[in-house]
């Protein structure tokens, strides 16, 4: 249905043409032109009906989709953070197990470590999760050991692996244990591997790393003289045109000035207060060659470090314990030889300014081996002088 209406208001004509779909409003003056045709000069306004509801519906859908998208994004972010928190919690469980191993070594010292006789396994619940710990000596390298911790946290399993090396340097408390390798095998096919296979895999990775080290050092030395980033990129075969920016000067090395800490030194007796009395408080051991009692240059360097530490702690007394293998000679001659080794160490410390009344000497001959004398490696471990802190310095 279509209707036409022509109205005159204040000299202006309103021509309204409407049907079921739209209305056309022409606002202007009505003019007659030759031929009987009527023309309207003015503004033409199209009034549309029936589009309001679709527009509202579209806007509602757009807002709804936006809200859904934001909600999904928030949910995804929340899951990511939850996963990160769960992983951090699992790592905390594993690290706590590792710290327990390190505390055992520190309290009992290397020669009395709990896994000396063979691999040690332990299961425990901790921090809402559980772990299975395995620690053992590394087969081929002295003072090196492997720690494997399988953690179950919120029904998800993780496998953390550490290879560490005990630092045999005299009284170097700052680096009692040095990390050699760490990896999370949780998402690796090796997660279910036999422990020995895992050790073999790590051996190969460390070997590859050592093989690549000379090349890495060569590249680093070639890059050091480069004055700009562009020059450094060219040396490693990268086109600087594809990298922005490249013409900047290399930033100077940052100098960090730290004030003196002036921390008071703890009495070593305090450090030993929690140690079981049956454990020998062996700080470090000095090893000797076969049938040798004299000190070599490397041993003297270690003793000089020990003398410096003892000089900072004038109230501490130490006992030097000499040991032999007993492979050759009689028990009596081995006893005398063990005392001679310990006395040579004492004499050198005294020459460095340590008072003789702070040092005592004992010989144990062949009576306290820490390894089998059936192998050369075991004999090398047994030919030693141990440095033991006396709990009662008086």
Protein backbone atom coordinates (compact mmCIF):
# COMPACT_ATOMS: atom_id res chain seq x y z
CA UNK A 1 0.00 0.00 0.00
CA UNK A 2 1.30 3.43 -0.98
CA UNK A 3 -0.04 6.87 -0.04
CA UNK A 4 0.95 10.37 -1.17
CA UNK A 5 0.31 13.50 0.86
CA UNK A 6 1.16 17.10 -0.07
CA UNK A 7 0.98 19.75 2.66
CA UNK A 8 1.79 23.48 2.69
CA UNK A 9 3.16 25.03 5.92
CA UNK A 10 4.37 28.67 5.98
CA UNK A 11 5.00 28.73 2.24
CA UNK A 12 6.89 25.46 2.26
CA UNK A 13 5.60 22.21 0.92
CA UNK A 14 5.93 18.84 2.64
CA UNK A 15 5.60 16.01 0.19
CA UNK A 16 5.26 12.72 2.01
CA UNK A 17 5.30 9.45 0.13
CA UNK A 18 5.00 6.33 2.28
CA UNK A 19 4.57 2.61 1.90
CA UNK A 20 5.06 -0.36 4.22
CA UNK A 21 8.86 -0.17 4.02
CA UNK A 22 9.81 3.49 4.21
CA UNK A 23 8.66 7.12 4.12
CA UNK A 24 10.21 9.77 1.87
CA UNK A 25 9.93 13.35 3.15
CA UNK A 26 10.78 16.27 0.85
CA UNK A 27 11.02 19.64 2.55
CA UNK A 28 11.14 22.65 0.17
CA UNK A 29 9.21 24.85 -2.24
CA UNK A 30 6.86 23.40 -4.76
CA UNK A 31 7.46 24.58 -8.36
CA UNK A 32 5.66 24.05 -11.58
CA UNK A 33 7.75 23.47 -14.66
CA UNK A 34 6.65 23.30 -18.29
CA UNK A 35 4.84 20.13 -19.23
CA UNK A 36 2.81 20.06 -16.02
CA UNK A 37 5.49 18.47 -13.91
CA UNK A 38 5.90 19.50 -10.27
CA UNK A 39 9.39 19.83 -8.76
CA UNK A 40 10.36 20.30 -5.11
CA UNK A 41 13.53 22.24 -4.33
CA UNK A 42 14.80 21.40 -0.87
CA UNK A 43 15.99 18.68 1.49
CA UNK A 44 15.07 15.05 0.92
CA UNK A 45 14.99 12.93 4.09
CA UNK A 46 14.49 9.21 4.02
CA UNK A 47 12.74 7.87 7.09
CA UNK A 48 13.37 4.17 7.53
CA UNK A 49 11.36 1.87 9.68
CA UNK A 50 11.91 -1.81 10.57
CA UNK A 51 15.72 -1.57 11.06
CA UNK A 52 15.88 -0.64 14.73
CA UNK A 53 15.40 -4.17 16.09
CA UNK A 54 18.07 -5.77 13.84
CA UNK A 55 20.55 -3.08 14.85
CA UNK A 56 19.82 -3.64 18.54
CA UNK A 57 20.14 -7.37 18.04
CA UNK A 58 23.46 -6.96 16.24
CA UNK A 59 24.83 -4.68 18.95
CA UNK A 60 23.72 -7.14 21.63
CA UNK A 61 25.42 -10.01 19.85
CA UNK A 62 28.62 -7.98 19.42
CA UNK A 63 28.71 -7.11 23.11
CA UNK A 64 28.00 -10.74 24.00
CA UNK A 65 30.79 -12.02 21.77
CA UNK A 66 33.17 -9.47 23.30
CA UNK A 67 32.29 -10.62 26.81
CA UNK A 68 32.74 -14.27 25.83
CA UNK A 69 36.13 -13.50 24.28
CA UNK A 70 37.31 -11.65 27.39
CA UNK A 71 36.07 -14.47 29.60
CA UNK A 72 37.89 -17.08 27.53
CA UNK A 73 41.07 -14.99 27.60
CA UNK A 74 40.85 -14.62 31.37
CA UNK A 75 40.22 -18.34 31.75
CA UNK A 76 43.19 -19.18 29.52
CA UNK A 77 45.45 -16.78 31.42
CA UNK A 78 44.26 -18.18 34.73
CA UNK A 79 45.05 -21.73 33.56
CA UNK A 80 48.50 -20.67 32.41
CA UNK A 81 49.26 -19.08 35.77
CA UNK A 82 47.85 -22.11 37.55
CA UNK A 83 50.08 -24.37 35.48
CA UNK A 84 53.06 -22.14 36.25
CA UNK A 85 52.26 -22.17 39.96
CA UNK A 86 51.89 -25.97 39.93
CA UNK A 87 55.25 -26.35 38.17
CA UNK A 88 56.90 -23.98 40.63
CA UNK A 89 55.43 -25.95 43.51
CA UNK A 90 56.73 -29.22 42.03
CA UNK A 91 60.18 -27.67 41.58
CA UNK A 92 60.12 -26.46 45.19
CA UNK A 93 59.46 -30.03 46.34
CA UNK A 94 62.41 -31.32 44.28
CA UNK A 95 64.71 -28.54 45.40
CA UNK A 96 63.86 -29.17 49.03
CA UNK A 97 64.90 -32.80 48.53
CA UNK A 98 68.16 -31.62 46.93
CA UNK A 99 68.87 -29.25 49.82
CA UNK A 100 68.47 -32.15 52.23
CA UNK A 101 71.20 -34.03 50.34
CA UNK A 102 73.51 -31.00 50.42
CA UNK A 103 72.86 -30.50 54.13
CA UNK A 104 73.79 -34.13 54.74
CA UNK A 105 77.10 -33.62 52.92
CA UNK A 106 77.82 -30.41 54.78
CA UNK A 107 77.10 -31.85 58.21
CA UNK A 108 78.81 -35.22 57.76
CA UNK A 109 81.43 -34.08 55.25
CA UNK A 110 82.21 -35.91 52.03
CA UNK A 111 84.07 -38.80 53.62
CA UNK A 112 81.00 -39.63 55.74
CA UNK A 113 78.23 -38.92 53.20
CA UNK A 114 75.14 -41.11 53.43
CA UNK A 115 75.46 -42.46 49.86
CA UNK A 116 79.12 -43.40 50.19
CA UNK A 117 78.37 -47.14 50.23
CA UNK A 118 75.95 -47.01 47.27
CA UNK A 119 72.81 -45.32 45.88
CA UNK A 120 70.35 -44.01 48.45
CA UNK A 121 66.60 -43.82 47.74
CA UNK A 122 64.06 -41.91 49.76
CA UNK A 123 60.30 -41.31 49.46
CA UNK A 124 58.47 -38.55 51.29
CA UNK A 125 55.45 -36.23 51.18
CA UNK A 126 56.16 -32.52 51.11
CA UNK A 127 54.33 -29.26 50.31
CA UNK A 128 51.18 -31.04 49.15
CA UNK A 129 53.12 -33.34 46.81
CA UNK A 130 55.39 -36.34 47.07
CA UNK A 131 58.86 -37.16 45.83
CA UNK A 132 61.15 -40.08 45.17
CA UNK A 133 64.82 -39.20 45.63
CA UNK A 134 67.82 -41.13 44.34
CA UNK A 135 71.37 -39.92 45.02
CA UNK A 136 74.58 -41.73 44.13
CA UNK A 137 78.22 -41.18 43.28
CA UNK A 138 79.08 -40.69 39.64
CA UNK A 139 80.99 -43.70 38.38
CA UNK A 140 83.88 -42.10 36.58
CA UNK A 141 84.65 -38.79 38.33
CA UNK A 142 85.80 -38.35 41.91
CA UNK A 143 83.73 -36.00 44.11
CA UNK A 144 80.91 -35.96 41.56
CA UNK A 145 77.40 -37.21 42.32
CA UNK A 146 73.98 -37.35 40.67
CA UNK A 147 70.64 -36.41 42.22
CA UNK A 148 67.38 -37.50 40.58
CA UNK A 149 64.06 -36.38 42.06
CA UNK A 150 60.73 -37.64 40.73
CA UNK A 151 57.92 -35.40 41.98
CA UNK A 152 54.19 -36.01 41.89
CA UNK A 153 52.13 -32.86 42.36
CA UNK A 154 48.39 -32.67 41.65
CA UNK A 155 48.52 -35.97 39.76
CA UNK A 156 51.22 -34.68 37.42
CA UNK A 157 54.71 -36.21 37.41
CA UNK A 158 58.00 -34.36 37.04
CA UNK A 159 61.61 -35.52 36.86
CA UNK A 160 64.40 -33.17 37.92
CA UNK A 161 68.08 -34.06 37.49
CA UNK A 162 71.16 -32.47 39.03
CA UNK A 163 74.80 -33.39 38.58
CA UNK A 164 77.00 -31.75 41.18
CA UNK A 165 80.63 -31.78 42.22
CA UNK A 166 81.90 -31.57 45.78
CA UNK A 167 84.60 -28.93 46.07
CA UNK A 168 87.67 -30.51 47.70
CA UNK A 169 89.54 -27.21 48.18
CA UNK A 170 90.49 -26.58 51.76
CA UNK A 171 87.89 -24.76 53.83
CA UNK A 172 86.21 -23.17 50.82
CA UNK A 173 82.77 -22.82 52.38
CA UNK A 174 81.58 -20.46 49.64
CA UNK A 175 81.44 -23.25 47.04
CA UNK A 176 81.01 -26.47 48.95
CA UNK A 177 79.12 -27.98 45.99
CA UNK A 178 79.43 -26.82 42.39
CA UNK A 179 76.54 -27.48 39.94
CA UNK A 180 77.67 -29.17 36.74
CA UNK A 181 74.39 -29.94 34.99
CA UNK A 182 70.65 -29.44 35.52
CA UNK A 183 67.66 -30.40 33.40
CA UNK A 184 63.94 -30.99 33.78
CA UNK A 185 63.08 -34.25 32.03
CA UNK A 186 59.35 -34.05 32.81
CA UNK A 187 58.29 -33.79 29.15
CA UNK A 188 61.13 -35.89 27.77
CA UNK A 189 60.96 -39.51 26.58
CA UNK A 190 63.74 -40.09 29.10
CA UNK A 191 61.37 -39.37 31.98
CA UNK A 192 60.72 -43.11 32.38
CA UNK A 193 64.26 -44.18 31.54
CA UNK A 194 66.51 -46.26 33.74
CA UNK A 195 68.70 -44.09 36.02
CA UNK A 196 71.88 -45.42 34.39
CA UNK A 197 70.55 -44.53 30.92
CA UNK A 198 69.80 -41.03 32.19
CA UNK A 199 73.36 -40.68 33.49
CA UNK A 200 74.72 -41.82 30.12
CA UNK A 201 72.58 -39.23 28.32
CA UNK A 202 73.91 -36.47 30.59
CA UNK A 203 77.48 -37.70 30.03
CA UNK A 204 77.03 -37.23 26.30
CA UNK A 205 75.52 -33.75 26.69
CA UNK A 206 78.38 -32.62 28.90
CA UNK A 207 80.88 -34.13 26.46
CA UNK A 208 79.27 -32.23 23.57
CA UNK A 209 79.31 -29.06 25.63
CA UNK A 210 83.01 -29.49 26.36
CA UNK A 211 83.73 -30.27 22.69
CA UNK A 212 81.97 -27.05 21.66
CA UNK A 213 83.68 -24.92 24.29
CA UNK A 214 86.81 -24.09 22.23
CA UNK A 215 84.63 -22.89 19.34
CA UNK A 216 82.49 -20.83 21.70
CA UNK A 217 85.58 -19.21 23.20
CA UNK A 218 86.93 -18.53 19.71
CA UNK A 219 83.70 -16.77 18.69
CA UNK A 220 83.65 -14.77 21.92
CA UNK A 221 87.25 -13.65 21.48
CA UNK A 222 86.52 -12.59 17.88
CA UNK A 223 83.51 -10.54 18.95
CA UNK A 224 85.17 -8.72 21.86
CA UNK A 225 87.12 -6.20 19.72
CA UNK A 226 83.95 -5.20 17.79
CA UNK A 227 83.11 -1.56 18.46
CA UNK A 228 79.55 -1.70 17.05
CA UNK A 229 76.76 -4.22 16.86
CA UNK A 230 76.94 -4.05 13.06
CA UNK A 231 80.58 -5.09 13.09
CA UNK A 232 79.86 -7.96 15.49
CA UNK A 233 77.01 -9.22 13.29
CA UNK A 234 79.22 -9.27 10.22
CA UNK A 235 81.82 -11.35 12.05
CA UNK A 236 79.28 -14.09 12.77
CA UNK A 237 77.87 -14.03 9.23
CA UNK A 238 74.64 -12.10 9.84
CA UNK A 239 73.59 -9.40 7.38
CA UNK A 240 73.21 -6.23 9.50
CA UNK A 241 70.75 -4.81 6.96
CA UNK A 242 68.13 -7.25 8.23
CA UNK A 243 68.61 -6.17 11.83
CA UNK A 244 67.58 -2.81 13.24
CA UNK A 245 69.28 -0.90 14.74
CA UNK A 246 72.87 -1.98 14.12
CA UNK A 247 74.97 1.18 14.11
CA UNK A 248 74.87 1.81 17.83
CA UNK A 249 78.03 1.91 19.88
CA UNK A 250 78.49 -1.01 22.22
CA UNK A 251 77.55 -0.02 25.76
CA UNK A 252 80.48 0.18 28.15
CA UNK A 253 80.92 -2.51 30.75
CA UNK A 254 79.06 -1.71 33.93
CA UNK A 255 81.18 -1.26 37.03
CA UNK A 256 79.52 -2.39 40.22
CA UNK A 257 80.98 -0.94 43.40
CA UNK A 258 79.98 -2.90 46.47
CA UNK A 259 80.74 -1.60 49.94
CA UNK A 260 82.66 -3.78 52.35
CA UNK A 261 80.27 -6.11 54.14
CA UNK A 262 82.18 -6.10 57.43
CA UNK A 263 80.25 -9.18 58.52
CA UNK A 264 81.36 -10.79 61.77
CA UNK A 265 82.91 -14.23 61.33
CA UNK A 266 80.97 -17.08 62.87
CA UNK A 267 82.77 -19.32 65.26
CA UNK A 268 83.33 -22.67 63.58
CA UNK A 269 82.22 -24.34 66.80
CA UNK A 270 78.78 -22.82 66.20
CA UNK A 271 78.70 -24.30 62.73
CA UNK A 272 79.42 -27.70 64.23
CA UNK A 273 76.94 -27.43 67.10
CA UNK A 274 74.22 -29.44 65.35
CA UNK A 275 76.49 -32.20 64.04
CA UNK A 276 76.20 -35.68 65.52
CA UNK A 277 79.08 -36.31 67.96
CA UNK A 278 80.00 -39.64 66.35
CA UNK A 279 80.83 -37.94 63.05
CA UNK A 280 84.42 -36.84 62.44
CA UNK A 281 84.33 -33.15 61.57
CA UNK A 282 86.61 -33.48 58.59
CA UNK A 283 86.72 -30.13 56.83
CA UNK A 284 88.82 -31.25 53.87
CA UNK A 285 91.48 -33.82 53.06
CA UNK A 286 94.91 -33.35 51.51
CA UNK A 287 95.94 -36.30 49.31
CA UNK A 288 99.46 -37.62 48.66
CA UNK A 289 101.14 -39.76 46.06
CA UNK A 290 102.39 -43.23 46.81
CA UNK A 291 105.20 -43.38 49.42
CA UNK A 292 105.29 -39.57 49.49
CA UNK A 293 105.18 -37.45 52.63
CA UNK A 294 106.61 -34.17 51.31
CA UNK A 295 104.32 -31.36 50.22
CA UNK A 296 104.15 -30.31 46.57
CA UNK A 297 103.48 -26.80 45.23
CA UNK A 298 99.73 -27.30 44.82
CA UNK A 299 99.37 -28.58 48.36
CA UNK A 300 101.24 -25.57 49.69
CA UNK A 301 98.84 -23.23 47.89
CA UNK A 302 95.92 -24.95 49.61
CA UNK A 303 97.65 -24.75 52.99
CA UNK A 304 98.29 -21.05 52.50
CA UNK A 305 94.55 -20.58 51.98
CA UNK A 306 93.89 -22.60 55.13
CA UNK A 307 96.40 -20.51 57.08
CA UNK A 308 94.66 -17.32 56.00
CA UNK A 309 91.31 -18.61 57.23
CA UNK A 310 92.80 -19.80 60.50
CA UNK A 311 94.42 -16.40 60.91
CA UNK A 312 90.96 -14.82 60.80
CA UNK A 313 89.77 -17.20 63.53
CA UNK A 314 92.45 -17.12 66.22
CA UNK A 315 90.44 -19.21 68.71
CA UNK A 316 90.04 -22.23 66.44
CA UNK A 317 92.24 -25.27 66.86
CA UNK A 318 92.62 -28.07 64.32
CA UNK A 319 93.79 -31.64 64.42
CA UNK A 320 95.78 -33.11 61.53
CA UNK A 321 95.14 -36.82 60.97
CA UNK A 322 97.53 -38.76 58.73
CA UNK A 323 96.51 -41.95 56.90
CA UNK A 324 98.19 -44.52 54.65
CA UNK A 325 97.09 -47.44 52.49
CA UNK A 326 99.05 -50.26 54.07
CA UNK A 327 99.76 -51.70 50.62
CA UNK A 328 103.45 -51.79 51.42
CA UNK A 329 105.31 -51.97 54.71
CA UNK A 330 104.27 -53.10 58.15
CA UNK A 331 101.49 -51.66 60.32
CA UNK A 332 104.17 -50.03 62.47
CA UNK A 333 105.94 -48.40 59.52
CA UNK A 334 102.61 -47.19 58.11
CA UNK A 335 101.77 -45.62 61.46
CA UNK A 336 105.05 -43.72 61.50
CA UNK A 337 104.60 -42.67 57.86
CA UNK A 338 101.07 -41.35 58.55
CA UNK A 339 102.40 -39.25 61.43
CA UNK A 340 105.18 -37.91 59.19
CA UNK A 341 102.64 -36.78 56.59
CA UNK A 342 100.55 -34.96 59.18
CA UNK A 343 103.63 -33.41 60.80
CA UNK A 344 104.85 -32.03 57.47
CA UNK A 345 101.49 -30.28 57.06
CA UNK A 346 101.70 -28.92 60.61
CA UNK A 347 105.25 -27.64 60.09
CA UNK A 348 104.22 -25.73 56.97
CA UNK A 349 101.23 -24.14 58.70
CA UNK A 350 103.50 -23.10 61.59
CA UNK A 351 105.93 -21.57 59.09
CA UNK A 352 103.01 -19.48 57.80
CA UNK A 353 102.42 -18.01 61.25
CA UNK A 354 99.87 -20.37 62.82
CA UNK A 355 100.85 -20.97 66.47
CA UNK A 356 101.95 -24.53 67.19
CA UNK A 357 99.60 -24.76 70.21
CA UNK A 358 96.63 -24.51 67.83
CA UNK A 359 97.68 -27.61 65.87
CA UNK A 360 97.78 -31.21 66.98
CA UNK A 361 98.97 -34.23 65.00
CA UNK A 362 97.77 -37.83 64.98
CA UNK A 363 98.61 -40.83 62.85
CA UNK A 364 96.19 -43.63 62.05
CA UNK A 365 98.34 -45.66 59.69
CA UNK A 366 96.30 -48.05 57.55
CA UNK A 367 93.47 -48.46 60.08
CA UNK A 368 90.87 -46.02 58.65
CA UNK A 369 90.57 -46.44 54.86
CA UNK A 370 87.76 -44.58 53.13
CA UNK A 371 87.98 -46.57 49.89
CA UNK A 372 89.12 -49.98 48.70
CA UNK A 373 92.86 -50.48 48.36
CA UNK A 374 92.21 -52.97 45.55
CA UNK A 375 92.24 -50.15 42.99
CA UNK A 376 94.65 -47.29 42.32
CA UNK A 377 91.80 -44.82 42.70
CA UNK A 378 90.97 -46.18 46.13
CA UNK A 379 94.60 -46.06 47.23
CA UNK A 380 94.82 -42.41 46.14
CA UNK A 381 91.85 -41.57 48.35
CA UNK A 382 93.34 -43.34 51.35
CA UNK A 383 96.73 -41.56 51.20
CA UNK A 384 95.59 -38.41 52.93
CA UNK A 385 95.82 -35.93 55.78
CA UNK A 386 92.46 -34.83 57.17
CA UNK A 387 91.84 -31.45 58.77
CA UNK A 388 89.49 -31.83 61.73
CA UNK A 389 88.09 -28.91 63.73
CA UNK A 390 88.25 -29.60 67.44
CA UNK A 391 84.89 -28.96 69.12
CA UNK A 392 86.57 -27.93 72.34
CA UNK A 393 89.29 -25.44 71.39
CA UNK A 394 90.42 -25.28 74.95
